[in-house]
Amino acid sequence: MAIIPKEEVSRTIRDEPPTHFSLRIKSFSLISNTSLERYNSGNFEAGGYKWKLCLYPKGNKDRNGDGHISLYLEIVETDSLPPGWEVHSLFRFLVLDQLRDNYLLVEDASGTPRRFRATKTQYGFDRFITLKEFNDPTKGYLVNDTCMFGVEVFVHRESVTGKGECLSMTAEPLTCSYTWKIEKFSELDKESHFSEVFTTGAHNWKINLWPKGHAEEKGKSLSLFLKLDDLTTLLPGRGVYVEAKLRVVDQINGKHEENKLQNWFKGSKNEWGWRKFLPLSTFLDQSKGYLVKDVCIIEAHLLVIGAIEKLSPKPE
């Protein structure tokens, strides 16, 4: 909740009724004599947004409103607004003088629009009017135990300051194992080679092998990467979180070379792995079992445990 300091409050008299919403209360004393601390009006529309009045008939004690009526404006039904929404609005509160048929108008004297947003949906006055003045029969605000409040809301600017995403973790993660057997390894003539596509759920994957190393590891190491290959999972704001193991199989001793990763695959980050997966000197050593009779075996084990999607406005 945010309030407008007392020194910035303007109080004037006018004849015109409220433009956007009026709240008439009968038997006001019954409300003020009950344990009801706050009354929320029904929702109303102004400037293309939904709002409500929040009235504390005995004052908002949490905001030092004792001895006053506290009155606030709150923006509501914001679930359809995009992440990071802001609505900059001026507002005015009114209370009817039933004896003179005019209105006391209370507003922010600075004329500065207030910034309604997800973390601050409410603005108003902790000390809108003293109970002494409100209950004074000569003032005309409470006549025959009936009163009427009003509000006007003027939206000056709307903005979206950020983006959002929805994270969903999977209770039963999807798993996948894939084996890539590469024969005639010595005849590989490209810098990098991709495996066939393998699938977990809705996601397609490939292993990317650089037999003579990638970037600064060229000529030094075997480089190995896991790539998310299904572009439909890489639409803006979407991604998948994976735990994976890539392994070069030791076909003789069973002492496999294995590395693990835990990463989000999304956007331009659709490939993760290691430039320095295994030194070429070790890989090419026949006694180590990684390359036997010009055959290399690479395995991938995947665990898909989460996904993200872009948050977007709900349809009208």
C-alpha atoms as a PDB file:
ATOM      1  CA  MET A   1       0.000   0.000   0.000  1.00  0.00           C
ATOM      2  CA  ALA A   2       1.209   3.499  -0.816  1.00  0.00           C
ATOM      3  CA  ILE A   3      -0.189   6.743   0.539  1.00  0.00           C
ATOM      4  CA  ILE A   4      -0.027  10.373  -0.440  1.00  0.00           C
ATOM      5  CA  PRO A   5       1.569  12.597   2.235  1.00  0.00           C
ATOM      6  CA  LYS A   6      -0.809  14.974   3.987  1.00  0.00           C
ATOM      7  CA  GLU A   7       1.082  18.050   2.809  1.00  0.00           C
ATOM      8  CA  GLU A   8       0.475  17.016  -0.817  1.00  0.00           C
ATOM      9  CA  VAL A   9      -3.310  16.751  -0.474  1.00  0.00           C
ATOM     10  CA  SER A  10      -5.635  19.247  -2.145  1.00  0.00           C
ATOM     11  CA  ARG A  11      -9.225  19.751  -0.914  1.00  0.00           C
ATOM     12  CA  THR A  12     -11.690  21.713  -3.017  1.00  0.00           C
ATOM     13  CA  ILE A  13     -15.451  21.984  -3.553  1.00  0.00           C
ATOM     14  CA  ARG A  14     -17.208  21.274  -6.853  1.00  0.00           C
ATOM     15  CA  ASP A  15     -20.726  20.700  -8.156  1.00  0.00           C
ATOM     16  CA  GLU A  16     -20.237  17.883 -10.687  1.00  0.00           C
ATOM     17  CA  PRO A  17     -20.799  14.287  -9.541  1.00  0.00           C
ATOM     18  CA  PRO A  18     -18.092  11.612  -9.890  1.00  0.00           C
ATOM     19  CA  THR A  19     -17.381  10.563 -13.450  1.00  0.00           C
ATOM     20  CA  HIS A  20     -16.422   6.927 -12.980  1.00  0.00           C
ATOM     21  CA  PHE A  21     -17.828   5.353  -9.827  1.00  0.00           C
ATOM     22  CA  SER A  22     -20.041   6.180  -6.845  1.00  0.00           C
ATOM     23  CA  LEU A  23     -20.482   4.231  -3.631  1.00  0.00           C
ATOM     24  CA  ARG A  24     -23.625   4.977  -1.604  1.00  0.00           C
ATOM     25  CA  ILE A  25     -23.702   3.554   1.918  1.00  0.00           C
ATOM     26  CA  LYS A  26     -26.912   3.301   3.907  1.00  0.00           C
ATOM     27  CA  SER A  27     -26.881   2.687   7.663  1.00  0.00           C
ATOM     28  CA  PHE A  28     -23.257   3.782   7.878  1.00  0.00           C
ATOM     29  CA  SER A  29     -23.339   3.567  11.670  1.00  0.00           C
ATOM     30  CA  LEU A  30     -24.042  -0.158  11.482  1.00  0.00           C
ATOM     31  CA  ILE A  31     -20.851  -0.647   9.492  1.00  0.00           C
ATOM     32  CA  SER A  32     -18.746   1.503  11.778  1.00  0.00           C
ATOM     33  CA  ASN A  33     -20.103  -0.252  14.883  1.00  0.00           C
ATOM     34  CA  THR A  34     -19.264  -3.756  13.681  1.00  0.00           C
ATOM     35  CA  SER A  35     -15.911  -5.517  13.584  1.00  0.00           C
ATOM     36  CA  LEU A  36     -15.668  -4.804   9.853  1.00  0.00           C
ATOM     37  CA  GLU A  37     -12.422  -2.907   9.358  1.00  0.00           C
ATOM     38  CA  ARG A  38     -12.465  -2.628   5.581  1.00  0.00           C
ATOM     39  CA  TYR A  39     -15.066  -2.561   2.851  1.00  0.00           C
ATOM     40  CA  ASN A  40     -14.172  -3.300  -0.773  1.00  0.00           C
ATOM     41  CA  SER A  41     -16.504  -1.978  -3.437  1.00  0.00           C
ATOM     42  CA  GLY A  42     -17.444  -3.851  -6.562  1.00  0.00           C
ATOM     43  CA  ASN A  43     -15.102  -3.580  -9.512  1.00  0.00           C
ATOM     44  CA  PHE A  44     -15.548  -0.780 -12.029  1.00  0.00           C
ATOM     45  CA  GLU A  45     -13.829   0.169 -15.281  1.00  0.00           C
ATOM     46  CA  ALA A  46     -11.939   3.363 -16.013  1.00  0.00           C
ATOM     47  CA  GLY A  47      -9.296   4.027 -18.651  1.00  0.00           C
ATOM     48  CA  GLY A  48      -9.474   0.462 -19.914  1.00  0.00           C
ATOM     49  CA  TYR A  49      -8.619  -1.087 -16.526  1.00  0.00           C
ATOM     50  CA  LYS A  50     -10.581  -2.498 -13.594  1.00  0.00           C
ATOM     51  CA  TRP A  51     -10.495  -0.851 -10.176  1.00  0.00           C
ATOM     52  CA  LYS A  52     -12.164  -0.909  -6.782  1.00  0.00           C
ATOM     53  CA  LEU A  53     -12.513   1.380  -3.784  1.00  0.00           C
ATOM     54  CA  CYS A  54     -11.192   0.244  -0.416  1.00  0.00           C
ATOM     55  CA  LEU A  55     -12.876   2.039   2.491  1.00  0.00           C
ATOM     56  CA  TYR A  56     -11.871   1.851   6.158  1.00  0.00           C
ATOM     57  CA  PRO A  57     -14.879   3.379   7.998  1.00  0.00           C
ATOM     58  CA  LYS A  58     -12.963   3.602  11.295  1.00  0.00           C
ATOM     59  CA  GLY A  59      -9.577   4.349   9.754  1.00  0.00           C
ATOM     60  CA  ASN A  60      -6.712   2.118   8.729  1.00  0.00           C
ATOM     61  CA  LYS A  61      -5.071   1.540  12.091  1.00  0.00           C
ATOM     62  CA  ASP A  62      -2.020  -0.050  10.476  1.00  0.00           C
ATOM     63  CA  ARG A  63      -1.371   3.272   8.718  1.00  0.00           C
ATOM     64  CA  ASN A  64      -2.068   5.653  11.606  1.00  0.00           C
ATOM     65  CA  GLY A  65      -5.565   6.332  10.326  1.00  0.00           C
ATOM     66  CA  ASP A  66      -7.221   6.372  13.764  1.00  0.00           C
ATOM     67  CA  GLY A  67      -9.911   9.026  14.040  1.00  0.00           C
ATOM     68  CA  HIS A  68     -10.298   9.233  10.269  1.00  0.00           C
ATOM     69  CA  ILE A  69     -11.898   7.515   7.320  1.00  0.00           C
ATOM     70  CA  SER A  70      -9.212   5.924   5.124  1.00  0.00           C
ATOM     71  CA  LEU A  71      -9.879   5.592   1.405  1.00  0.00           C
ATOM     72  CA  TYR A  72      -7.821   3.882  -1.306  1.00  0.00           C
ATOM     73  CA  LEU A  73      -7.973   3.047  -5.002  1.00  0.00           C
ATOM     74  CA  GLU A  74      -6.810  -0.416  -6.035  1.00  0.00           C
ATOM     75  CA  ILE A  75      -6.239  -1.811  -9.518  1.00  0.00           C
ATOM     76  CA  VAL A  76      -7.730  -5.303  -9.914  1.00  0.00           C
ATOM     77  CA  GLU A  77      -8.067  -8.124 -12.447  1.00  0.00           C
ATOM     78  CA  THR A  78      -4.421  -7.747 -13.447  1.00  0.00           C
ATOM     79  CA  ASP A  79      -3.800 -11.403 -14.355  1.00  0.00           C
ATOM     80  CA  SER A  80      -4.424 -10.608 -18.015  1.00  0.00           C
ATOM     81  CA  LEU A  81      -1.756  -7.894 -18.052  1.00  0.00           C
ATOM     82  CA  PRO A  82       1.749  -8.745 -19.341  1.00  0.00           C
ATOM     83  CA  PRO A  83       4.673  -9.250 -16.942  1.00  0.00           C
ATOM     84  CA  GLY A  84       6.197  -5.962 -15.858  1.00  0.00           C
ATOM     85  CA  TRP A  85       3.007  -3.966 -16.431  1.00  0.00           C
ATOM     86  CA  GLU A  86       2.659  -0.435 -15.090  1.00  0.00           C
ATOM     87  CA  VAL A  87      -0.344   1.896 -15.195  1.00  0.00           C
ATOM     88  CA  HIS A  88       0.326   5.560 -14.425  1.00  0.00           C
ATOM     89  CA  SER A  89      -2.872   7.219 -13.221  1.00  0.00           C
ATOM     90  CA  LEU A  90      -4.228  10.336 -11.577  1.00  0.00           C
ATOM     91  CA  PHE A  91      -7.250   9.871  -9.340  1.00  0.00           C
ATOM     92  CA  ARG A  92      -9.634  11.967  -7.285  1.00  0.00           C
ATOM     93  CA  PHE A  93     -11.884  11.008  -4.408  1.00  0.00           C
ATOM     94  CA  LEU A  94     -15.170  12.759  -3.673  1.00  0.00           C
ATOM     95  CA  VAL A  95     -17.678  12.769  -0.836  1.00  0.00           C
ATOM     96  CA  LEU A  96     -21.159  14.238  -1.256  1.00  0.00           C
ATOM     97  CA  ASP A  97     -22.322  17.176   0.837  1.00  0.00           C
ATOM     98  CA  GLN A  98     -26.026  16.331   0.889  1.00  0.00           C
ATOM     99  CA  LEU A  99     -27.053  19.669   2.400  1.00  0.00           C
ATOM    100  CA  ARG A 100     -25.465  21.875  -0.252  1.00  0.00           C
ATOM    101  CA  ASP A 101     -25.598  19.384  -3.122  1.00  0.00           C
ATOM    102  CA  ASN A 102     -21.923  19.625  -3.934  1.00  0.00           C
ATOM    103  CA  TYR A 103     -18.829  17.532  -3.405  1.00  0.00           C
ATOM    104  CA  LEU A 104     -15.661  17.707  -1.380  1.00  0.00           C
ATOM    105  CA  LEU A 105     -12.933  16.721  -3.840  1.00  0.00           C
ATOM    106  CA  VAL A 106      -9.689  15.286  -2.440  1.00  0.00           C
ATOM    107  CA  GLU A 107      -6.677  14.701  -4.687  1.00  0.00           C
ATOM    108  CA  ASP A 108      -2.903  14.766  -4.886  1.00  0.00           C
ATOM    109  CA  ALA A 109      -1.904  18.434  -5.046  1.00  0.00           C
ATOM    110  CA  SER A 110       1.300  17.654  -6.936  1.00  0.00           C
ATOM    111  CA  GLY A 111      -0.589  16.386  -9.970  1.00  0.00           C
ATOM    112  CA  THR A 112       1.869  13.501 -10.295  1.00  0.00           C
ATOM    113  CA  PRO A 113       0.411  10.294 -11.766  1.00  0.00           C
ATOM    114  CA  ARG A 114       0.773   7.342  -9.411  1.00  0.00           C
ATOM    115  CA  ARG A 115       2.520   4.231 -10.692  1.00  0.00           C
ATOM    116  CA  PHE A 116       0.275   1.205 -10.176  1.00  0.00           C
ATOM    117  CA  ARG A 117       2.131  -2.073 -10.683  1.00  0.00           C
ATOM    118  CA  ALA A 118       2.229  -5.678  -9.491  1.00  0.00           C
ATOM    119  CA  THR A 119       4.142  -4.797  -6.313  1.00  0.00           C
ATOM    120  CA  LYS A 120       2.068  -1.684  -5.571  1.00  0.00           C
ATOM    121  CA  THR A 121      -1.554  -2.014  -6.621  1.00  0.00           C
ATOM    122  CA  GLN A 122      -3.050   0.498  -4.181  1.00  0.00           C
ATOM    123  CA  TYR A 123      -2.775   4.225  -3.537  1.00  0.00           C
ATOM    124  CA  GLY A 124      -4.873   6.560  -1.446  1.00  0.00           C
ATOM    125  CA  PHE A 125      -5.306   8.540   1.738  1.00  0.00           C
ATOM    126  CA  ASP A 126      -4.809   7.170   5.244  1.00  0.00           C
ATOM    127  CA  ARG A 127      -6.550  10.268   6.590  1.00  0.00           C
ATOM    128  CA  PHE A 128      -9.117  11.053   3.944  1.00  0.00           C
ATOM    129  CA  ILE A 129     -11.410  12.919   6.334  1.00  0.00           C
ATOM    130  CA  THR A 130     -11.646  13.086  10.129  1.00  0.00           C
ATOM    131  CA  LEU A 131     -14.495  11.166  11.709  1.00  0.00           C
ATOM    132  CA  LYS A 132     -15.349  14.301  13.661  1.00  0.00           C
ATOM    133  CA  GLU A 133     -15.852  16.302  10.467  1.00  0.00           C
ATOM    134  CA  PHE A 134     -17.591  13.436   8.672  1.00  0.00           C
ATOM    135  CA  ASN A 135     -20.074  12.911  11.513  1.00  0.00           C
ATOM    136  CA  ASP A 136     -20.752  16.638  11.988  1.00  0.00           C
ATOM    137  CA  PRO A 137     -24.419  17.084  10.914  1.00  0.00           C
ATOM    138  CA  THR A 138     -23.725  20.625   9.672  1.00  0.00           C
ATOM    139  CA  LYS A 139     -21.235  19.339   7.082  1.00  0.00           C
ATOM    140  CA  GLY A 140     -23.792  17.246   5.219  1.00  0.00           C
ATOM    141  CA  TYR A 141     -21.582  14.226   4.598  1.00  0.00           C
ATOM    142  CA  LEU A 142     -23.655  11.863   6.748  1.00  0.00           C
ATOM    143  CA  VAL A 143     -27.412  12.518   6.562  1.00  0.00           C
ATOM    144  CA  ASN A 144     -29.996  10.034   7.819  1.00  0.00           C
ATOM    145  CA  ASP A 145     -27.097   7.632   8.336  1.00  0.00           C
ATOM    146  CA  THR A 146     -26.409   7.668   4.579  1.00  0.00           C
ATOM    147  CA  CYS A 147     -23.318   8.872   2.713  1.00  0.00           C
ATOM    148  CA  MET A 148     -21.845   8.716  -0.769  1.00  0.00           C
ATOM    149  CA  PHE A 149     -18.239   8.491  -1.932  1.00  0.00           C
ATOM    150  CA  GLY A 150     -16.969   8.725  -5.488  1.00  0.00           C
ATOM    151  CA  VAL A 151     -13.811   8.366  -7.545  1.00  0.00           C
ATOM    152  CA  GLU A 152     -12.430   9.469 -10.887  1.00  0.00           C
ATOM    153  CA  VAL A 153      -9.473   7.736 -12.528  1.00  0.00           C
ATOM    154  CA  PHE A 154      -7.444   9.118 -15.421  1.00  0.00           C
ATOM    155  CA  VAL A 155      -4.877   6.818 -17.010  1.00  0.00           C
ATOM    156  CA  HIS A 156      -1.928   8.794 -18.345  1.00  0.00           C
ATOM    157  CA  ARG A 157       0.449   6.083 -19.481  1.00  0.00           C
ATOM    158  CA  GLU A 158       0.829   2.343 -19.682  1.00  0.00           C
ATOM    159  CA  SER A 159       4.078   0.464 -19.998  1.00  0.00           C
ATOM    160  CA  VAL A 160       5.632  -2.976 -19.858  1.00  0.00           C
ATOM    161  CA  THR A 161       8.976  -2.882 -18.087  1.00  0.00           C
ATOM    162  CA  GLY A 162      10.068  -6.466 -18.326  1.00  0.00           C
ATOM    163  CA  LYS A 163       9.517  -9.990 -19.460  1.00  0.00           C
ATOM    164  CA  GLY A 164       8.477 -13.090 -17.597  1.00  0.00           C
ATOM    165  CA  GLU A 165       8.678 -16.814 -17.771  1.00  0.00           C
ATOM    166  CA  CYS A 166       6.952 -19.793 -16.223  1.00  0.00           C
ATOM    167  CA  LEU A 167       9.140 -22.547 -14.787  1.00  0.00           C
ATOM    168  CA  SER A 168       7.686 -26.059 -14.583  1.00  0.00           C
ATOM    169  CA  MET A 169       9.631 -28.813 -12.892  1.00  0.00           C
ATOM    170  CA  THR A 170       8.720 -32.368 -13.840  1.00  0.00           C
ATOM    171  CA  ALA A 171       7.631 -34.705 -11.045  1.00  0.00           C
ATOM    172  CA  GLU A 172       8.574 -37.733 -13.160  1.00  0.00           C
ATOM    173  CA  PRO A 173      11.536 -36.657 -15.323  1.00  0.00           C
ATOM    174  CA  LEU A 174      11.801 -37.966 -18.867  1.00  0.00           C
ATOM    175  CA  THR A 175      14.822 -40.182 -19.469  1.00  0.00           C
ATOM    176  CA  CYS A 176      16.639 -41.250 -22.592  1.00  0.00           C
ATOM    177  CA  SER A 177      19.752 -43.234 -23.460  1.00  0.00           C
ATOM    178  CA  TYR A 178      21.421 -43.217 -26.838  1.00  0.00           C
ATOM    179  CA  THR A 179      24.437 -45.061 -28.216  1.00  0.00           C
ATOM    180  CA  TRP A 180      26.394 -43.763 -31.193  1.00  0.00           C
ATOM    181  CA  LYS A 181      28.759 -46.299 -32.736  1.00  0.00           C
ATOM    182  CA  ILE A 182      31.243 -44.669 -35.096  1.00  0.00           C
ATOM    183  CA  GLU A 183      33.035 -47.006 -37.476  1.00  0.00           C
ATOM    184  CA  LYS A 184      36.022 -46.034 -39.652  1.00  0.00           C
ATOM    185  CA  PHE A 185      36.790 -43.233 -37.236  1.00  0.00           C
ATOM    186  CA  SER A 186      40.065 -42.428 -38.990  1.00  0.00           C
ATOM    187  CA  GLU A 187      38.136 -41.598 -42.166  1.00  0.00           C
ATOM    188  CA  LEU A 188      36.108 -38.780 -40.603  1.00  0.00           C
ATOM    189  CA  ASP A 189      36.956 -35.832 -42.812  1.00  0.00           C
ATOM    190  CA  LYS A 190      34.969 -32.936 -41.343  1.00  0.00           C
ATOM    191  CA  GLU A 191      35.749 -30.702 -38.387  1.00  0.00           C
ATOM    192  CA  SER A 192      32.542 -31.785 -36.651  1.00  0.00           C
ATOM    193  CA  HIS A 193      30.104 -34.652 -37.045  1.00  0.00           C
ATOM    194  CA  PHE A 194      26.557 -35.055 -35.734  1.00  0.00           C
ATOM    195  CA  SER A 195      24.899 -38.235 -34.578  1.00  0.00           C
ATOM    196  CA  GLU A 196      21.434 -39.261 -35.708  1.00  0.00           C
ATOM    197  CA  VAL A 197      18.556 -37.548 -33.928  1.00  0.00           C
ATOM    198  CA  PHE A 198      17.285 -39.130 -30.710  1.00  0.00           C
ATOM    199  CA  THR A 199      14.247 -38.051 -28.723  1.00  0.00           C
ATOM    200  CA  THR A 200      13.048 -37.426 -25.177  1.00  0.00           C
ATOM    201  CA  GLY A 201       9.375 -36.513 -25.039  1.00  0.00           C
ATOM    202  CA  ALA A 202       8.887 -33.581 -27.416  1.00  0.00           C
ATOM    203  CA  HIS A 203      12.583 -32.758 -27.664  1.00  0.00           C
ATOM    204  CA  ASN A 204      15.048 -33.863 -30.332  1.00  0.00           C
ATOM    205  CA  TRP A 205      18.760 -34.119 -29.633  1.00  0.00           C
ATOM    206  CA  LYS A 206      22.072 -34.765 -31.362  1.00  0.00           C
ATOM    207  CA  ILE A 207      25.613 -35.402 -30.207  1.00  0.00           C
ATOM    208  CA  ASN A 208      28.168 -33.100 -31.816  1.00  0.00           C
ATOM    209  CA  LEU A 209      31.638 -34.618 -32.096  1.00  0.00           C
ATOM    210  CA  TRP A 210      34.801 -32.717 -33.005  1.00  0.00           C
ATOM    211  CA  PRO A 211      37.264 -35.600 -33.616  1.00  0.00           C
ATOM    212  CA  LYS A 212      40.317 -33.327 -33.696  1.00  0.00           C
ATOM    213  CA  GLY A 213      39.151 -30.767 -31.156  1.00  0.00           C
ATOM    214  CA  HIS A 214      37.272 -27.483 -31.180  1.00  0.00           C
ATOM    215  CA  ALA A 215      38.672 -23.932 -31.001  1.00  0.00           C
ATOM    216  CA  GLU A 216      41.707 -23.710 -28.709  1.00  0.00           C
ATOM    217  CA  GLU A 217      41.629 -27.498 -28.187  1.00  0.00           C
ATOM    218  CA  LYS A 218      42.119 -28.217 -31.886  1.00  0.00           C
ATOM    219  CA  GLY A 219      44.821 -30.846 -32.250  1.00  0.00           C
ATOM    220  CA  LYS A 220      44.840 -31.421 -28.492  1.00  0.00           C
ATOM    221  CA  SER A 221      41.535 -32.939 -27.395  1.00  0.00           C
ATOM    222  CA  LEU A 222      38.428 -34.772 -28.468  1.00  0.00           C
ATOM    223  CA  SER A 223      35.553 -32.258 -28.125  1.00  0.00           C
ATOM    224  CA  LEU A 224      32.009 -33.407 -27.407  1.00  0.00           C
ATOM    225  CA  PHE A 225      28.714 -31.526 -27.116  1.00  0.00           C
ATOM    226  CA  LEU A 226      24.991 -32.186 -26.649  1.00  0.00           C
ATOM    227  CA  LYS A 227      22.701 -30.173 -28.924  1.00  0.00           C
ATOM    228  CA  LEU A 228      18.964 -29.547 -28.698  1.00  0.00           C
ATOM    229  CA  ASP A 229      17.975 -29.988 -32.326  1.00  0.00           C
ATOM    230  CA  ASP A 230      14.216 -29.354 -32.342  1.00  0.00           C
ATOM    231  CA  LEU A 231      13.709 -25.679 -33.194  1.00  0.00           C
ATOM    232  CA  THR A 232      10.080 -25.800 -32.038  1.00  0.00           C
ATOM    233  CA  THR A 233      11.354 -26.019 -28.469  1.00  0.00           C
ATOM    234  CA  LEU A 234      13.484 -22.940 -28.977  1.00  0.00           C
ATOM    235  CA  LEU A 235      10.785 -20.375 -29.665  1.00  0.00           C
ATOM    236  CA  PRO A 236      11.473 -17.120 -27.799  1.00  0.00           C
ATOM    237  CA  GLY A 237      11.036 -17.617 -24.082  1.00  0.00           C
ATOM    238  CA  ARG A 238      11.021 -21.414 -24.168  1.00  0.00           C
ATOM    239  CA  GLY A 239      13.627 -23.852 -22.950  1.00  0.00           C
ATOM    240  CA  VAL A 240      14.322 -27.166 -21.279  1.00  0.00           C
ATOM    241  CA  TYR A 241      16.467 -28.050 -18.256  1.00  0.00           C
ATOM    242  CA  VAL A 242      18.506 -31.220 -18.596  1.00  0.00           C
ATOM    243  CA  GLU A 243      20.881 -33.339 -16.586  1.00  0.00           C
ATOM    244  CA  ALA A 244      23.033 -35.288 -19.010  1.00  0.00           C
ATOM    245  CA  LYS A 245      26.031 -37.573 -19.137  1.00  0.00           C
ATOM    246  CA  LEU A 246      28.186 -37.993 -22.216  1.00  0.00           C
ATOM    247  CA  ARG A 247      30.508 -40.965 -22.258  1.00  0.00           C
ATOM    248  CA  VAL A 248      33.270 -42.325 -24.471  1.00  0.00           C
ATOM    249  CA  VAL A 249      33.184 -46.074 -23.902  1.00  0.00           C
ATOM    250  CA  ASP A 250      36.320 -47.986 -22.898  1.00  0.00           C
ATOM    251  CA  GLN A 251      35.756 -51.144 -24.963  1.00  0.00           C
ATOM    252  CA  ILE A 252      38.583 -53.059 -23.272  1.00  0.00           C
ATOM    253  CA  ASN A 253      38.836 -52.171 -19.602  1.00  0.00           C
ATOM    254  CA  GLY A 254      35.400 -50.721 -18.885  1.00  0.00           C
ATOM    255  CA  LYS A 255      36.960 -47.520 -17.541  1.00  0.00           C
ATOM    256  CA  HIS A 256      34.773 -45.138 -19.497  1.00  0.00           C
ATOM    257  CA  GLU A 257      35.514 -41.425 -19.819  1.00  0.00           C
ATOM    258  CA  GLU A 258      32.396 -39.591 -18.660  1.00  0.00           C
ATOM    259  CA  ASN A 259      31.369 -35.995 -18.010  1.00  0.00           C
ATOM    260  CA  LYS A 260      28.142 -34.604 -16.583  1.00  0.00           C
ATOM    261  CA  LEU A 261      26.267 -31.392 -17.260  1.00  0.00           C
ATOM    262  CA  GLN A 262      23.225 -29.612 -15.848  1.00  0.00           C
ATOM    263  CA  ASN A 263      22.062 -26.764 -18.046  1.00  0.00           C
ATOM    264  CA  TRP A 264      19.180 -24.863 -19.562  1.00  0.00           C
ATOM    265  CA  PHE A 265      18.915 -25.357 -23.305  1.00  0.00           C
ATOM    266  CA  LYS A 266      17.159 -22.244 -24.614  1.00  0.00           C
ATOM    267  CA  GLY A 267      17.531 -19.432 -27.102  1.00  0.00           C
ATOM    268  CA  SER A 268      21.014 -19.314 -28.566  1.00  0.00           C
ATOM    269  CA  LYS A 269      22.240 -21.645 -25.805  1.00  0.00           C
ATOM    270  CA  ASN A 270      21.046 -24.805 -27.516  1.00  0.00           C
ATOM    271  CA  GLU A 271      24.344 -26.674 -27.246  1.00  0.00           C
ATOM    272  CA  TRP A 272      26.454 -27.538 -24.201  1.00  0.00           C
ATOM    273  CA  GLY A 273      29.508 -29.696 -23.707  1.00  0.00           C
ATOM    274  CA  TRP A 274      33.282 -29.790 -23.475  1.00  0.00           C
ATOM    275  CA  ARG A 275      36.029 -28.664 -25.795  1.00  0.00           C
ATOM    276  CA  LYS A 276      38.480 -30.584 -23.648  1.00  0.00           C
ATOM    277  CA  PHE A 277      36.540 -33.814 -23.187  1.00  0.00           C
ATOM    278  CA  LEU A 278      39.426 -36.255 -23.633  1.00  0.00           C
ATOM    279  CA  PRO A 279      43.085 -35.661 -24.638  1.00  0.00           C
ATOM    280  CA  LEU A 280      43.710 -36.938 -28.158  1.00  0.00           C
ATOM    281  CA  SER A 281      46.871 -38.671 -26.973  1.00  0.00           C
ATOM    282  CA  THR A 282      44.794 -40.733 -24.561  1.00  0.00           C
ATOM    283  CA  PHE A 283      41.941 -41.308 -26.997  1.00  0.00           C
ATOM    284  CA  LEU A 284      44.246 -42.580 -29.764  1.00  0.00           C
ATOM    285  CA  ASP A 285      46.167 -44.896 -27.422  1.00  0.00           C
ATOM    286  CA  GLN A 286      44.874 -48.337 -28.441  1.00  0.00           C
ATOM    287  CA  SER A 287      45.530 -49.769 -24.981  1.00  0.00           C
ATOM    288  CA  LYS A 288      43.056 -47.370 -23.391  1.00  0.00           C
ATOM    289  CA  GLY A 289      40.135 -48.968 -25.232  1.00  0.00           C
ATOM    290  CA  TYR A 290      38.476 -45.790 -26.510  1.00  0.00           C
ATOM    291  CA  LEU A 291      39.327 -46.497 -30.154  1.00  0.00           C
ATOM    292  CA  VAL A 292      39.396 -50.195 -31.029  1.00  0.00           C
ATOM    293  CA  LYS A 293      39.716 -51.429 -34.602  1.00  0.00           C
ATOM    294  CA  ASP A 294      38.908 -47.904 -35.747  1.00  0.00           C
ATOM    295  CA  VAL A 295      35.597 -48.000 -33.855  1.00  0.00           C
ATOM    296  CA  CYS A 296      34.521 -45.473 -31.226  1.00  0.00           C
ATOM    297  CA  ILE A 297      31.378 -45.735 -29.100  1.00  0.00           C
ATOM    298  CA  ILE A 298      29.776 -42.647 -27.551  1.00  0.00           C
ATOM    299  CA  GLU A 299      26.814 -42.771 -25.183  1.00  0.00           C
ATOM    300  CA  ALA A 300      24.408 -40.103 -23.987  1.00  0.00           C
ATOM    301  CA  HIS A 301      22.110 -40.386 -20.976  1.00  0.00           C
ATOM    302  CA  LEU A 302      19.548 -37.598 -20.526  1.00  0.00           C
ATOM    303  CA  LEU A 303      17.192 -36.625 -17.742  1.00  0.00           C
ATOM    304  CA  VAL A 304      14.737 -33.826 -18.664  1.00  0.00           C
ATOM    305  CA  ILE A 305      13.612 -32.295 -15.378  1.00  0.00           C
ATOM    306  CA  GLY A 306      12.199 -28.871 -16.193  1.00  0.00           C
ATOM    307  CA  ALA A 307      10.844 -26.520 -18.815  1.00  0.00           C
ATOM    308  CA  ILE A 308      10.212 -22.809 -19.181  1.00  0.00           C
ATOM    309  CA  GLU A 309       7.666 -20.976 -21.280  1.00  0.00           C
ATOM    310  CA  LYS A 310       7.251 -17.289 -21.981  1.00  0.00           C
ATOM    311  CA  LEU A 311       4.506 -15.610 -20.009  1.00  0.00           C
ATOM    312  CA  SER A 312       2.150 -13.711 -22.250  1.00  0.00           C
ATOM    313  CA  PRO A 313      -1.127 -11.865 -21.807  1.00  0.00           C
ATOM    314  CA  LYS A 314      -4.226 -14.001 -21.604  1.00  0.00           C
ATOM    315  CA  PRO A 315      -6.477 -13.789 -24.671  1.00  0.00           C
ATOM    316  CA  GLU A 316      -9.334 -11.320 -24.546  1.00  0.00           C
END
